[in-house]
Every structure is written in structure tokens, then in C-alpha cells.
């Protein structure tokens, strides 16, 4: 019981000292127009003139997200290899990869992967 009566005030004292030191030694940040304005993807929210968003950048982002999700779907395949019939497993995942490659070649043929203007 004596240890508990000694422990609680000690913890409170150490916490209070650390809090006071951090408040005293912290840099005081003065708010100005730049720091108080929100930052949205490099656009200046205070100006009315906004540049149009690049559609090519949007398409590349969507393609990246699609292939990123597909990679996440393919990763569990390795752990299920020993639980499935190997021939059936290989056919299903080769078909899956074939669909991904056909989509990639279609995007490449359409010019969505070319960054030139």
C-alpha cells in the first residue's frame, strides 16, 4: 500500500514536469496567411484562376490503382498453392494474368500510357 501511495504522486509529478518543459521549450508558431490556408494538391485555394486538371494524370492513377488491387488479389495465390490441385490452380491464375495483360496491352494500344502531349 505504501508503494502505491508513493508511485501515484511520483508519476503525476514526472508527467507534469515533462508537460511544463514541453510547453516552455516549444517553438511558438505565429499563424500567417500561408500556414492557415488549406493545401489541396498544389492548388492555391485563395486564387480564382485554377489550371485544368490533367486527364492523363488521372488515367495513369486509375491504371495504377487497378493493377495495385490486382497484385493484392494475386498475393494469396502462393499460400493456397499447397491446398489446391496444381493444374486447376495454374489454369485459373494464368487466365487471371492473361486478363491483366490484355487490359495492359489495350491501354498501351489506346495511348493511355504515353505521357507525351
PDB file of N, CA and C in Angstrom:
ATOM      1  N   UNK A   1       0.821  -1.179   0.000  1.00  0.00           N
ATOM      2  CA  UNK A   1       0.000   0.000   0.000  1.00  0.00           C
ATOM      3  C   UNK A   1       0.874   1.256   0.000  1.00  0.00           C
ATOM      4  N   UNK A   2       1.967   1.200   0.736  1.00  0.00           N
ATOM      5  CA  UNK A   2       2.881   2.332   0.790  1.00  0.00           C
ATOM      6  C   UNK A   2       3.479   2.613  -0.590  1.00  0.00           C
ATOM      7  N   UNK A   3       3.776   1.547  -1.327  1.00  0.00           N
ATOM      8  CA  UNK A   3       4.359   1.715  -2.667  1.00  0.00           C
ATOM      9  C   UNK A   3       3.375   2.410  -3.594  1.00  0.00           C
ATOM     10  N   UNK A   4       2.096   2.063  -3.490  1.00  0.00           N
ATOM     11  CA  UNK A   4       1.085   2.689  -4.333  1.00  0.00           C
ATOM     12  C   UNK A   4       0.934   4.170  -3.989  1.00  0.00           C
ATOM     13  N   UNK A   5       0.981   4.508  -2.713  1.00  0.00           N
ATOM     14  CA  UNK A   5       0.890   5.908  -2.303  1.00  0.00           C
ATOM     15  C   UNK A   5       2.108   6.713  -2.741  1.00  0.00           C
ATOM     16  N   UNK A   6       3.228   6.073  -2.895  1.00  0.00           N
ATOM     17  CA  UNK A   6       4.433   6.739  -3.364  1.00  0.00           C
ATOM     18  C   UNK A   6       4.460   6.802  -4.894  1.00  0.00           C
ATOM     19  N   UNK A   7       3.928   5.783  -5.564  1.00  0.00           N
ATOM     20  CA  UNK A   7       4.007   5.662  -7.018  1.00  0.00           C
ATOM     21  C   UNK A   7       3.118   6.677  -7.735  1.00  0.00           C
ATOM     22  N   UNK A   8       1.881   6.847  -7.298  1.00  0.00           N
ATOM     23  CA  UNK A   8       0.931   7.728  -7.982  1.00  0.00           C
ATOM     24  C   UNK A   8       1.383   9.186  -7.970  1.00  0.00           C
ATOM     25  N   UNK A   9       1.773   9.771  -6.848  1.00  0.00           N
ATOM     26  CA  UNK A   9       2.249  11.162  -6.891  1.00  0.00           C
ATOM     27  C   UNK A   9       3.546  11.317  -7.712  1.00  0.00           C
ATOM     28  N   UNK A  10       4.386  10.308  -7.678  1.00  0.00           N
ATOM     29  CA  UNK A  10       5.630  10.378  -8.447  1.00  0.00           C
ATOM     30  C   UNK A  10       5.330  10.423  -9.944  1.00  0.00           C
ATOM     31  N   UNK A  11       4.437   9.563 -10.388  1.00  0.00           N
ATOM     32  CA  UNK A  11       4.059   9.556 -11.808  1.00  0.00           C
ATOM     33  C   UNK A  11       3.407  10.879 -12.177  1.00  0.00           C
ATOM     34  N   UNK A  12       2.548  11.391 -11.343  1.00  0.00           N
ATOM     35  CA  UNK A  12       1.900  12.666 -11.607  1.00  0.00           C
ATOM     36  C   UNK A  12       2.924  13.795 -11.674  1.00  0.00           C
ATOM     37  N   UNK A  13       3.891  13.794 -10.797  1.00  0.00           N
ATOM     38  CA  UNK A  13       4.919  14.822 -10.779  1.00  0.00           C
ATOM     39  C   UNK A  13       5.787  14.763 -12.035  1.00  0.00           C
ATOM     40  N   UNK A  14       6.223  13.571 -12.410  1.00  0.00           N
ATOM     41  CA  UNK A  14       7.066  13.426 -13.612  1.00  0.00           C
ATOM     42  C   UNK A  14       6.296  13.848 -14.864  1.00  0.00           C
ATOM     43  N   UNK A  15       5.039  13.449 -14.958  1.00  0.00           N
ATOM     44  CA  UNK A  15       4.218  13.828 -16.107  1.00  0.00           C
ATOM     45  C   UNK A  15       4.029  15.338 -16.171  1.00  0.00           C
ATOM     46  N   UNK A  16       3.776  15.958 -15.044  1.00  0.00           N
ATOM     47  CA  UNK A  16       3.590  17.406 -15.006  1.00  0.00           C
ATOM     48  C   UNK A  16       4.866  18.144 -15.392  1.00  0.00           C
ATOM     49  N   UNK A  17       6.013  17.672 -14.924  1.00  0.00           N
ATOM     50  CA  UNK A  17       7.288  18.316 -15.251  1.00  0.00           C
ATOM     51  C   UNK A  17       7.564  18.204 -16.751  1.00  0.00           C
ATOM     52  N   UNK A  18       7.341  17.050 -17.332  1.00  0.00           N
ATOM     53  CA  UNK A  18       7.575  16.867 -18.772  1.00  0.00           C
ATOM     54  C   UNK A  18       6.627  17.736 -19.584  1.00  0.00           C
ATOM     55  N   UNK A  19       5.370  17.825 -19.170  1.00  0.00           N
ATOM     56  CA  UNK A  19       4.407  18.665 -19.869  1.00  0.00           C
ATOM     57  C   UNK A  19       4.796  20.137 -19.793  1.00  0.00           C
ATOM     58  N   UNK A  20       5.184  20.606 -18.624  1.00  0.00           N
ATOM     59  CA  UNK A  20       5.588  22.005 -18.478  1.00  0.00           C
ATOM     60  C   UNK A  20       6.850  22.312 -19.281  1.00  0.00           C
ATOM     61  N   UNK A  21       7.808  21.386 -19.280  1.00  0.00           N
ATOM     62  CA  UNK A  21       9.019  21.600 -20.076  1.00  0.00           C
ATOM     63  C   UNK A  21       8.713  21.673 -21.573  1.00  0.00           C
ATOM     64  N   UNK A  22       7.827  20.819 -22.036  1.00  0.00           N
ATOM     65  CA  UNK A  22       7.492  20.857 -23.460  1.00  0.00           C
ATOM     66  C   UNK A  22       6.761  22.143 -23.815  1.00  0.00           C
ATOM     67  N   UNK A  23       5.930  22.652 -22.929  1.00  0.00           N
ATOM     68  CA  UNK A  23       5.243  23.909 -23.201  1.00  0.00           C
ATOM     69  C   UNK A  23       6.192  25.096 -23.173  1.00  0.00           C
ATOM     70  N   UNK A  24       7.169  25.061 -22.288  1.00  0.00           N
ATOM     71  CA  UNK A  24       8.115  26.178 -22.178  1.00  0.00           C
ATOM     72  C   UNK A  24       9.101  26.173 -23.341  1.00  0.00           C
ATOM     73  N   UNK A  25       9.592  25.008 -23.687  1.00  0.00           N
ATOM     74  CA  UNK A  25      10.634  24.925 -24.705  1.00  0.00           C
ATOM     75  C   UNK A  25      10.111  24.845 -26.135  1.00  0.00           C
ATOM     76  N   UNK A  26       8.820  24.669 -26.329  1.00  0.00           N
ATOM     77  CA  UNK A  26       8.261  24.530 -27.675  1.00  0.00           C
ATOM     78  C   UNK A  26       8.365  25.848 -28.423  1.00  0.00           C
ATOM     79  N   UNK A  27       8.564  25.720 -29.738  1.00  0.00           N
ATOM     80  CA  UNK A  27       8.602  26.915 -30.574  1.00  0.00           C
ATOM     81  C   UNK A  27       7.195  27.496 -30.674  1.00  0.00           C
ATOM     82  N   UNK A  28       7.113  28.770 -30.570  1.00  0.00           N
ATOM     83  CA  UNK A  28       5.833  29.432 -30.754  1.00  0.00           C
ATOM     84  C   UNK A  28       5.666  29.702 -32.251  1.00  0.00           C
ATOM     85  N   UNK A  29       4.610  29.145 -32.811  1.00  0.00           N
ATOM     86  CA  UNK A  29       4.360  29.300 -34.241  1.00  0.00           C
ATOM     87  C   UNK A  29       3.354  30.420 -34.431  1.00  0.00           C
ATOM     88  N   UNK A  30       3.772  31.418 -35.186  1.00  0.00           N
ATOM     89  CA  UNK A  30       2.868  32.502 -35.492  1.00  0.00           C
ATOM     90  C   UNK A  30       2.082  32.125 -36.742  1.00  0.00           C
ATOM     91  N   UNK A  31       0.793  32.275 -36.659  1.00  0.00           N
ATOM     92  CA  UNK A  31      -0.048  31.930 -37.802  1.00  0.00           C
ATOM     93  C   UNK A  31      -0.007  33.063 -38.814  1.00  0.00           C
ATOM     94  N   UNK A  32       0.208  32.707 -40.053  1.00  0.00           N
ATOM     95  CA  UNK A  32       0.123  33.687 -41.120  1.00  0.00           C
ATOM     96  C   UNK A  32      -0.807  33.158 -42.201  1.00  0.00           C
ATOM     97  N   UNK A  33      -0.940  33.882 -43.280  1.00  0.00           N
ATOM     98  CA  UNK A  33      -1.888  33.508 -44.332  1.00  0.00           C
ATOM     99  C   UNK A  33      -1.536  32.172 -44.962  1.00  0.00           C
ATOM    100  N   UNK A  34      -0.265  31.920 -45.189  1.00  0.00           N
ATOM    101  CA  UNK A  34       0.159  30.693 -45.845  1.00  0.00           C
ATOM    102  C   UNK A  34      -0.061  29.466 -44.963  1.00  0.00           C
ATOM    103  N   UNK A  35       0.195  29.615 -43.675  1.00  0.00           N
ATOM    104  CA  UNK A  35       0.054  28.459 -42.788  1.00  0.00           C
ATOM    105  C   UNK A  35      -1.392  28.168 -42.428  1.00  0.00           C
ATOM    106  N   UNK A  36      -2.251  29.167 -42.464  1.00  0.00           N
ATOM    107  CA  UNK A  36      -3.639  28.932 -42.100  1.00  0.00           C
ATOM    108  C   UNK A  36      -4.498  28.530 -43.291  1.00  0.00           C
ATOM    109  N   UNK A  37      -3.976  28.647 -44.522  1.00  0.00           N
ATOM    110  CA  UNK A  37      -4.757  28.251 -45.689  1.00  0.00           C
ATOM    111  C   UNK A  37      -4.590  26.757 -45.945  1.00  0.00           C
ATOM    112  N   UNK A  38      -5.644  26.093 -46.388  1.00  0.00           N
ATOM    113  CA  UNK A  38      -5.539  24.649 -46.650  1.00  0.00           C
ATOM    114  C   UNK A  38      -4.732  24.386 -47.904  1.00  0.00           C
ATOM    115  N   UNK A  39      -4.062  23.256 -47.932  1.00  0.00           N
ATOM    116  CA  UNK A  39      -3.268  22.845 -49.084  1.00  0.00           C
ATOM    117  C   UNK A  39      -3.999  21.707 -49.769  1.00  0.00           C
ATOM    118  N   UNK A  40      -4.392  21.923 -51.023  1.00  0.00           N
ATOM    119  CA  UNK A  40      -5.127  20.900 -51.751  1.00  0.00           C
ATOM    120  C   UNK A  40      -4.405  20.593 -53.054  1.00  0.00           C
ATOM    121  N   UNK A  41      -3.605  19.586 -53.034  1.00  0.00           N
ATOM    122  CA  UNK A  41      -2.957  19.035 -54.236  1.00  0.00           C
ATOM    123  C   UNK A  41      -2.191  20.090 -55.030  1.00  0.00           C
ATOM    124  N   UNK A  42      -1.592  21.033 -54.370  1.00  0.00           N
ATOM    125  CA  UNK A  42      -0.789  22.022 -55.060  1.00  0.00           C
ATOM    126  C   UNK A  42      -1.577  23.191 -55.610  1.00  0.00           C
ATOM    127  N   UNK A  43      -2.896  23.194 -55.484  1.00  0.00           N
ATOM    128  CA  UNK A  43      -3.695  24.307 -55.969  1.00  0.00           C
ATOM    129  C   UNK A  43      -3.745  25.399 -54.912  1.00  0.00           C
ATOM    130  N   UNK A  44      -3.648  26.627 -55.333  1.00  0.00           N
ATOM    131  CA  UNK A  44      -3.801  27.753 -54.423  1.00  0.00           C
ATOM    132  C   UNK A  44      -5.288  27.987 -54.225  1.00  0.00           C
ATOM    133  N   UNK A  45      -5.787  27.733 -53.032  1.00  0.00           N
ATOM    134  CA  UNK A  45      -7.228  27.840 -52.792  1.00  0.00           C
ATOM    135  C   UNK A  45      -7.691  29.286 -52.699  1.00  0.00           C
ATOM    136  N   UNK A  46      -6.767  30.206 -52.564  1.00  0.00           N
ATOM    137  CA  UNK A  46      -7.153  31.612 -52.422  1.00  0.00           C
ATOM    138  C   UNK A  46      -7.320  32.309 -53.763  1.00  0.00           C
ATOM    139  N   UNK A  47      -6.834  31.717 -54.828  1.00  0.00           N
ATOM    140  CA  UNK A  47      -6.976  32.354 -56.141  1.00  0.00           C
ATOM    141  C   UNK A  47      -8.163  31.749 -56.880  1.00  0.00           C
ATOM    142  N   UNK A  48      -8.753  32.545 -57.736  1.00  0.00           N
ATOM    143  CA  UNK A  48      -9.902  32.077 -58.509  1.00  0.00           C
ATOM    144  C   UNK A  48      -9.480  31.356 -59.778  1.00  0.00           C
ATOM    145  N   UNK A  49      -8.285  31.627 -60.268  1.00  0.00           N
ATOM    146  CA  UNK A  49      -7.824  31.016 -61.508  1.00  0.00           C
ATOM    147  C   UNK A  49      -7.174  29.677 -61.194  1.00  0.00           C
ATOM    148  N   UNK A  50      -7.817  28.626 -61.572  1.00  0.00           N
ATOM    149  CA  UNK A  50      -7.259  27.298 -61.384  1.00  0.00           C
ATOM    150  C   UNK A  50      -6.927  26.704 -62.739  1.00  0.00           C
ATOM    151  N   UNK A  51      -5.803  26.031 -62.778  1.00  0.00           N
ATOM    152  CA  UNK A  51      -5.433  25.341 -64.000  1.00  0.00           C
ATOM    153  C   UNK A  51      -6.260  24.073 -64.135  1.00  0.00           C
ATOM    154  N   UNK A  52      -6.574  23.668 -65.352  1.00  0.00           N
ATOM    155  CA  UNK A  52      -7.347  22.428 -65.504  1.00  0.00           C
ATOM    156  C   UNK A  52      -6.520  21.224 -65.083  1.00  0.00           C
ATOM    157  N   UNK A  53      -7.195  20.251 -64.508  1.00  0.00           N
ATOM    158  CA  UNK A  53      -6.541  19.034 -64.038  1.00  0.00           C
ATOM    159  C   UNK A  53      -6.227  18.142 -65.232  1.00  0.00           C
ATOM    160  N   UNK A  54      -5.031  17.582 -65.254  1.00  0.00           N
ATOM    161  CA  UNK A  54      -4.601  16.757 -66.369  1.00  0.00           C
ATOM    162  C   UNK A  54      -5.349  15.431 -66.369  1.00  0.00           C
ATOM    163  N   UNK A  55      -6.031  15.145 -67.473  1.00  0.00           N
ATOM    164  CA  UNK A  55      -6.765  13.897 -67.603  1.00  0.00           C
ATOM    165  C   UNK A  55      -5.817  12.711 -67.714  1.00  0.00           C
ATOM    166  N   UNK A  56      -4.654  12.912 -68.317  1.00  0.00           N
ATOM    167  CA  UNK A  56      -3.669  11.834 -68.433  1.00  0.00           C
ATOM    168  C   UNK A  56      -3.164  11.412 -67.059  1.00  0.00           C
ATOM    169  N   UNK A  57      -2.941  12.377 -66.187  1.00  0.00           N
ATOM    170  CA  UNK A  57      -2.518  12.054 -64.827  1.00  0.00           C
ATOM    171  C   UNK A  57      -3.585  11.235 -64.119  1.00  0.00           C
ATOM    172  N   UNK A  58      -4.836  11.602 -64.314  1.00  0.00           N
ATOM    173  CA  UNK A  58      -5.940  10.859 -63.708  1.00  0.00           C
ATOM    174  C   UNK A  58      -5.995   9.430 -64.245  1.00  0.00           C
ATOM    175  N   UNK A  59      -5.825   9.245 -65.543  1.00  0.00           N
ATOM    176  CA  UNK A  59      -5.865   7.904 -66.139  1.00  0.00           C
ATOM    177  C   UNK A  59      -4.712   7.034 -65.638  1.00  0.00           C
ATOM    178  N   UNK A  60      -3.523   7.600 -65.544  1.00  0.00           N
ATOM    179  CA  UNK A  60      -2.384   6.839 -65.029  1.00  0.00           C
ATOM    180  C   UNK A  60      -2.641   6.425 -63.588  1.00  0.00           C
ATOM    181  N   UNK A  61      -3.247   7.307 -62.804  1.00  0.00           N
ATOM    182  CA  UNK A  61      -3.559   6.988 -61.414  1.00  0.00           C
ATOM    183  C   UNK A  61      -4.566   5.850 -61.323  1.00  0.00           C
ATOM    184  N   UNK A  62      -5.592   5.885 -62.143  1.00  0.00           N
ATOM    185  CA  UNK A  62      -6.608   4.828 -62.137  1.00  0.00           C
ATOM    186  C   UNK A  62      -5.996   3.501 -62.569  1.00  0.00           C
ATOM    187  N   UNK A  63      -5.152   3.513 -63.594  1.00  0.00           N
ATOM    188  CA  UNK A  63      -4.493   2.279 -64.042  1.00  0.00           C
ATOM    189  C   UNK A  63      -3.600   1.726 -62.940  1.00  0.00           C
ATOM    190  N   UNK A  64      -2.869   2.595 -62.259  1.00  0.00           N
ATOM    191  CA  UNK A  64      -2.032   2.147 -61.149  1.00  0.00           C
ATOM    192  C   UNK A  64      -2.876   1.503 -60.058  1.00  0.00           C
ATOM    193  N   UNK A  65      -3.997   2.117 -59.706  1.00  0.00           N
ATOM    194  CA  UNK A  65      -4.850   1.560 -58.656  1.00  0.00           C
ATOM    195  C   UNK A  65      -5.429   0.204 -59.062  1.00  0.00           C
ATOM    196  N   UNK A  66      -5.811   0.068 -60.315  1.00  0.00           N
ATOM    197  CA  UNK A  66      -6.350  -1.213 -60.786  1.00  0.00           C
ATOM    198  C   UNK A  66      -5.296  -2.299 -60.656  1.00  0.00           C
ATOM    199  N   UNK A  67      -4.082  -2.030 -61.128  1.00  0.00           N
ATOM    200  CA  UNK A  67      -3.045  -3.048 -61.063  1.00  0.00           C
ATOM    201  C   UNK A  67      -2.561  -3.278 -59.631  1.00  0.00           C
ATOM    202  N   UNK A  68      -2.653  -2.268 -58.807  1.00  0.00           N
ATOM    203  CA  UNK A  68      -2.291  -2.444 -57.401  1.00  0.00           C
ATOM    204  C   UNK A  68      -3.272  -3.379 -56.705  1.00  0.00           C
ATOM    205  N   UNK A  69      -4.552  -3.216 -56.970  1.00  0.00           N
ATOM    206  CA  UNK A  69      -5.560  -4.103 -56.398  1.00  0.00           C
ATOM    207  C   UNK A  69      -5.396  -5.517 -56.947  1.00  0.00           C
ATOM    208  N   UNK A  70      -5.049  -5.633 -58.211  1.00  0.00           N
ATOM    209  CA  UNK A  70      -4.853  -6.962 -58.794  1.00  0.00           C
ATOM    210  C   UNK A  70      -3.662  -7.671 -58.160  1.00  0.00           C
ATOM    211  N   UNK A  71      -2.615  -6.947 -57.839  1.00  0.00           N
ATOM    212  CA  UNK A  71      -1.465  -7.554 -57.166  1.00  0.00           C
ATOM    213  C   UNK A  71      -1.880  -8.065 -55.790  1.00  0.00           C
ATOM    214  N   UNK A  72      -2.696  -7.287 -55.095  1.00  0.00           N
ATOM    215  CA  UNK A  72      -3.164  -7.719 -53.775  1.00  0.00           C
ATOM    216  C   UNK A  72      -4.028  -8.973 -53.905  1.00  0.00           C
ATOM    217  N   UNK A  73      -4.739  -9.109 -55.005  1.00  0.00           N
ATOM    218  CA  UNK A  73      -5.545 -10.312 -55.211  1.00  0.00           C
ATOM    219  C   UNK A  73      -4.679 -11.510 -55.586  1.00  0.00           C
ATOM    220  N   UNK A  74      -3.525 -11.267 -56.201  1.00  0.00           N
ATOM    221  CA  UNK A  74      -2.653 -12.362 -56.607  1.00  0.00           C
ATOM    222  C   UNK A  74      -1.753 -12.869 -55.479  1.00  0.00           C
ATOM    223  N   UNK A  75      -1.453 -12.045 -54.503  1.00  0.00           N
ATOM    224  CA  UNK A  75      -0.542 -12.465 -53.444  1.00  0.00           C
ATOM    225  C   UNK A  75      -1.009 -13.674 -52.638  1.00  0.00           C
ATOM    226  N   UNK A  76      -2.298 -13.816 -52.309  1.00  0.00           N
ATOM    227  CA  UNK A  76      -2.708 -15.010 -51.571  1.00  0.00           C
ATOM    228  C   UNK A  76      -2.620 -16.304 -52.380  1.00  0.00           C
ATOM    229  N   UNK A  77      -2.382 -16.190 -53.675  1.00  0.00           N
ATOM    230  CA  UNK A  77      -2.285 -17.393 -54.517  1.00  0.00           C
ATOM    231  C   UNK A  77      -1.160 -18.310 -54.045  1.00  0.00           C
ATOM    232  N   UNK A  78      -0.080 -17.745 -53.601  1.00  0.00           N
ATOM    233  CA  UNK A  78       1.067 -18.546 -53.188  1.00  0.00           C
ATOM    234  C   UNK A  78       0.732 -19.388 -51.963  1.00  0.00           C
ATOM    235  N   UNK A  79      -0.017 -18.819 -51.033  1.00  0.00           N
ATOM    236  CA  UNK A  79      -0.342 -19.572 -49.822  1.00  0.00           C
ATOM    237  C   UNK A  79      -1.375 -20.664 -50.083  1.00  0.00           C
ATOM    238  N   UNK A  80      -2.169 -20.529 -51.146  1.00  0.00           N
ATOM    239  CA  UNK A  80      -3.170 -21.552 -51.452  1.00  0.00           C
ATOM    240  C   UNK A  80      -2.650 -22.617 -52.402  1.00  0.00           C
ATOM    241  N   UNK A  81      -1.417 -22.503 -52.828  1.00  0.00           N
ATOM    242  CA  UNK A  81      -0.872 -23.466 -53.786  1.00  0.00           C
ATOM    243  C   UNK A  81      -0.858 -24.885 -53.241  1.00  0.00           C
ATOM    244  N   UNK A  82      -0.497 -25.064 -51.994  1.00  0.00           N
ATOM    245  CA  UNK A  82      -0.420 -26.417 -51.445  1.00  0.00           C
ATOM    246  C   UNK A  82      -1.789 -26.973 -51.061  1.00  0.00           C
ATOM    247  N   UNK A  83      -2.847 -26.157 -51.071  1.00  0.00           N
ATOM    248  CA  UNK A  83      -4.183 -26.619 -50.727  1.00  0.00           C
ATOM    249  C   UNK A  83      -5.022 -26.992 -51.945  1.00  0.00           C
ATOM    250  N   UNK A  84      -4.572 -26.638 -53.150  1.00  0.00           N
ATOM    251  CA  UNK A  84      -5.378 -26.828 -54.352  1.00  0.00           C
ATOM    252  C   UNK A  84      -4.700 -27.801 -55.309  1.00  0.00           C
ATOM    253  N   UNK A  85      -5.471 -28.223 -56.289  1.00  0.00           N
ATOM    254  CA  UNK A  85      -4.931 -29.033 -57.370  1.00  0.00           C
ATOM    255  C   UNK A  85      -4.092 -28.113 -58.248  1.00  0.00           C
ATOM    256  N   UNK A  86      -2.864 -28.507 -58.504  1.00  0.00           N
ATOM    257  CA  UNK A  86      -1.908 -27.616 -59.152  1.00  0.00           C
ATOM    258  C   UNK A  86      -2.346 -27.251 -60.566  1.00  0.00           C
ATOM    259  N   UNK A  87      -2.906 -28.198 -61.319  1.00  0.00           N
ATOM    260  CA  UNK A  87      -3.315 -27.904 -62.696  1.00  0.00           C
ATOM    261  C   UNK A  87      -4.458 -26.882 -62.724  1.00  0.00           C
ATOM    262  N   UNK A  88      -5.448 -27.082 -61.861  1.00  0.00           N
ATOM    263  CA  UNK A  88      -6.569 -26.157 -61.798  1.00  0.00           C
ATOM    264  C   UNK A  88      -6.108 -24.784 -61.314  1.00  0.00           C
ATOM    265  N   UNK A  89      -5.252 -24.778 -60.311  1.00  0.00           N
ATOM    266  CA  UNK A  89      -4.712 -23.522 -59.765  1.00  0.00           C
ATOM    267  C   UNK A  89      -3.970 -22.751 -60.850  1.00  0.00           C
ATOM    268  N   UNK A  90      -3.127 -23.449 -61.621  1.00  0.00           N
ATOM    269  CA  UNK A  90      -2.345 -22.795 -62.675  1.00  0.00           C
ATOM    270  C   UNK A  90      -3.248 -22.245 -63.764  1.00  0.00           C
ATOM    271  N   UNK A  91      -4.300 -22.993 -64.148  1.00  0.00           N
ATOM    272  CA  UNK A  91      -5.210 -22.510 -65.190  1.00  0.00           C
ATOM    273  C   UNK A  91      -5.952 -21.248 -64.755  1.00  0.00           C
ATOM    274  N   UNK A  92      -6.441 -21.252 -63.533  1.00  0.00           N
ATOM    275  CA  UNK A  92      -7.211 -20.101 -63.047  1.00  0.00           C
ATOM    276  C   UNK A  92      -6.331 -18.854 -62.976  1.00  0.00           C
ATOM    277  N   UNK A  93      -5.140 -18.988 -62.426  1.00  0.00           N
ATOM    278  CA  UNK A  93      -4.314 -17.798 -62.256  1.00  0.00           C
ATOM    279  C   UNK A  93      -3.622 -17.368 -63.539  1.00  0.00           C
ATOM    280  N   UNK A  94      -3.366 -18.280 -64.450  1.00  0.00           N
ATOM    281  CA  UNK A  94      -2.861 -17.871 -65.770  1.00  0.00           C
ATOM    282  C   UNK A  94      -3.942 -17.124 -66.541  1.00  0.00           C
ATOM    283  N   UNK A  95      -5.196 -17.551 -66.395  1.00  0.00           N
ATOM    284  CA  UNK A  95      -6.306 -16.828 -67.014  1.00  0.00           C
ATOM    285  C   UNK A  95      -6.434 -15.428 -66.413  1.00  0.00           C
ATOM    286  N   UNK A  96      -6.268 -15.342 -65.109  1.00  0.00           N
ATOM    287  CA  UNK A  96      -6.332 -14.050 -64.415  1.00  0.00           C
ATOM    288  C   UNK A  96      -5.225 -13.115 -64.908  1.00  0.00           C
ATOM    289  N   UNK A  97      -4.017 -13.641 -65.034  1.00  0.00           N
ATOM    290  CA  UNK A  97      -2.891 -12.843 -65.517  1.00  0.00           C
ATOM    291  C   UNK A  97      -3.078 -12.484 -66.987  1.00  0.00           C
ATOM    292  N   UNK A  98      -3.674 -13.383 -67.766  1.00  0.00           N
ATOM    293  CA  UNK A  98      -3.951 -13.093 -69.171  1.00  0.00           C
ATOM    294  C   UNK A  98      -4.916 -11.922 -69.304  1.00  0.00           C
ATOM    295  N   UNK A  99      -5.947 -11.898 -68.463  1.00  0.00           N
ATOM    296  CA  UNK A  99      -6.886 -10.768 -68.485  1.00  0.00           C
ATOM    297  C   UNK A  99      -6.161  -9.469 -68.143  1.00  0.00           C
ATOM    298  N   UNK A 100      -5.266  -9.498 -67.162  1.00  0.00           N
ATOM    299  CA  UNK A 100      -4.500  -8.299 -66.810  1.00  0.00           C
ATOM    300  C   UNK A 100      -3.609  -7.850 -67.954  1.00  0.00           C
ATOM    301  N   UNK A 101      -2.941  -8.801 -68.610  1.00  0.00           N
ATOM    302  CA  UNK A 101      -2.060  -8.448 -69.725  1.00  0.00           C
ATOM    303  C   UNK A 101      -2.852  -7.905 -70.908  1.00  0.00           C
ATOM    304  N   UNK A 102      -4.011  -8.485 -71.190  1.00  0.00           N
ATOM    305  CA  UNK A 102      -4.849  -7.959 -72.274  1.00  0.00           C
ATOM    306  C   UNK A 102      -5.295  -6.528 -71.971  1.00  0.00           C
ATOM    307  N   UNK A 103      -5.666  -6.261 -70.716  1.00  0.00           N
ATOM    308  CA  UNK A 103      -6.025  -4.893 -70.335  1.00  0.00           C
ATOM    309  C   UNK A 103      -4.862  -3.932 -70.461  1.00  0.00           C
ATOM    310  N   UNK A 104      -3.671  -4.399 -70.077  1.00  0.00           N
ATOM    311  CA  UNK A 104      -2.479  -3.558 -70.197  1.00  0.00           C
ATOM    312  C   UNK A 104      -2.162  -3.261 -71.654  1.00  0.00           C
ATOM    313  N   UNK A 105      -2.229  -4.269 -72.517  1.00  0.00           N
ATOM    314  CA  UNK A 105      -1.958  -4.049 -73.934  1.00  0.00           C
ATOM    315  C   UNK A 105      -3.018  -3.165 -74.576  1.00  0.00           C
ATOM    316  N   UNK A 106      -4.263  -3.283 -74.140  1.00  0.00           N
ATOM    317  CA  UNK A 106      -5.320  -2.402 -74.645  1.00  0.00           C
ATOM    318  C   UNK A 106      -5.045  -0.945 -74.259  1.00  0.00           C
ATOM    319  N   UNK A 107      -4.671  -0.714 -73.002  1.00  0.00           N
ATOM    320  CA  UNK A 107      -4.338   0.650 -72.573  1.00  0.00           C
ATOM    321  C   UNK A 107      -3.122   1.179 -73.330  1.00  0.00           C
ATOM    322  N   UNK A 108      -2.159   0.332 -73.559  1.00  0.00           N
ATOM    323  CA  UNK A 108      -0.965   0.726 -74.293  1.00  0.00           C
ATOM    324  C   UNK A 108      -1.315   1.073 -75.731  1.00  0.00           C
ATOM    325  N   UNK A 109      -2.186   0.258 -76.349  1.00  0.00           N
ATOM    326  CA  UNK A 109      -2.599   0.500 -77.732  1.00  0.00           C
ATOM    327  C   UNK A 109      -3.415   1.769 -77.864  1.00  0.00           C
ATOM    328  N   UNK A 110      -4.238   2.075 -76.874  1.00  0.00           N
ATOM    329  CA  UNK A 110      -5.053   3.277 -76.899  1.00  0.00           C
ATOM    330  C   UNK A 110      -4.244   4.542 -76.617  1.00  0.00           C
ATOM    331  N   UNK A 111      -3.024   4.383 -76.125  1.00  0.00           N
ATOM    332  CA  UNK A 111      -2.170   5.531 -75.866  1.00  0.00           C
ATOM    333  C   UNK A 111      -2.319   6.118 -74.479  1.00  0.00           C
ATOM    334  N   UNK A 112      -2.991   5.415 -73.586  1.00  0.00           N
ATOM    335  CA  UNK A 112      -3.202   5.955 -72.245  1.00  0.00           C
ATOM    336  C   UNK A 112      -1.922   5.930 -71.432  1.00  0.00           C
ATOM    337  N   UNK A 113      -0.934   5.129 -71.828  1.00  0.00           N
ATOM    338  CA  UNK A 113       0.322   5.044 -71.081  1.00  0.00           C
ATOM    339  C   UNK A 113       1.393   5.977 -71.608  1.00  0.00           C
ATOM    340  N   UNK A 114       1.123   6.651 -72.727  1.00  0.00           N
ATOM    341  CA  UNK A 114       2.089   7.619 -73.274  1.00  0.00           C
ATOM    342  C   UNK A 114       1.933   8.934 -72.535  1.00  0.00           C
ATOM    343  N   UNK A 115       3.020   9.474 -72.043  1.00  0.00           N
ATOM    344  CA  UNK A 115       2.949  10.705 -71.270  1.00  0.00           C
ATOM    345  C   UNK A 115       3.196  11.928 -72.147  1.00  0.00           C
ATOM    346  N   UNK A 116       3.531  11.744 -73.416  1.00  0.00           N
ATOM    347  CA  UNK A 116       3.785  12.885 -74.305  1.00  0.00           C
ATOM    348  C   UNK A 116       2.476  13.584 -74.631  1.00  0.00           C
ATOM    349  N   UNK A 117       2.582  14.906 -74.865  1.00  0.00           N
ATOM    350  CA  UNK A 117       1.369  15.698 -75.128  1.00  0.00           C
ATOM    351  C   UNK A 117       1.156  15.897 -76.587  1.00  0.00           C
TER     352      UNK A 117
END
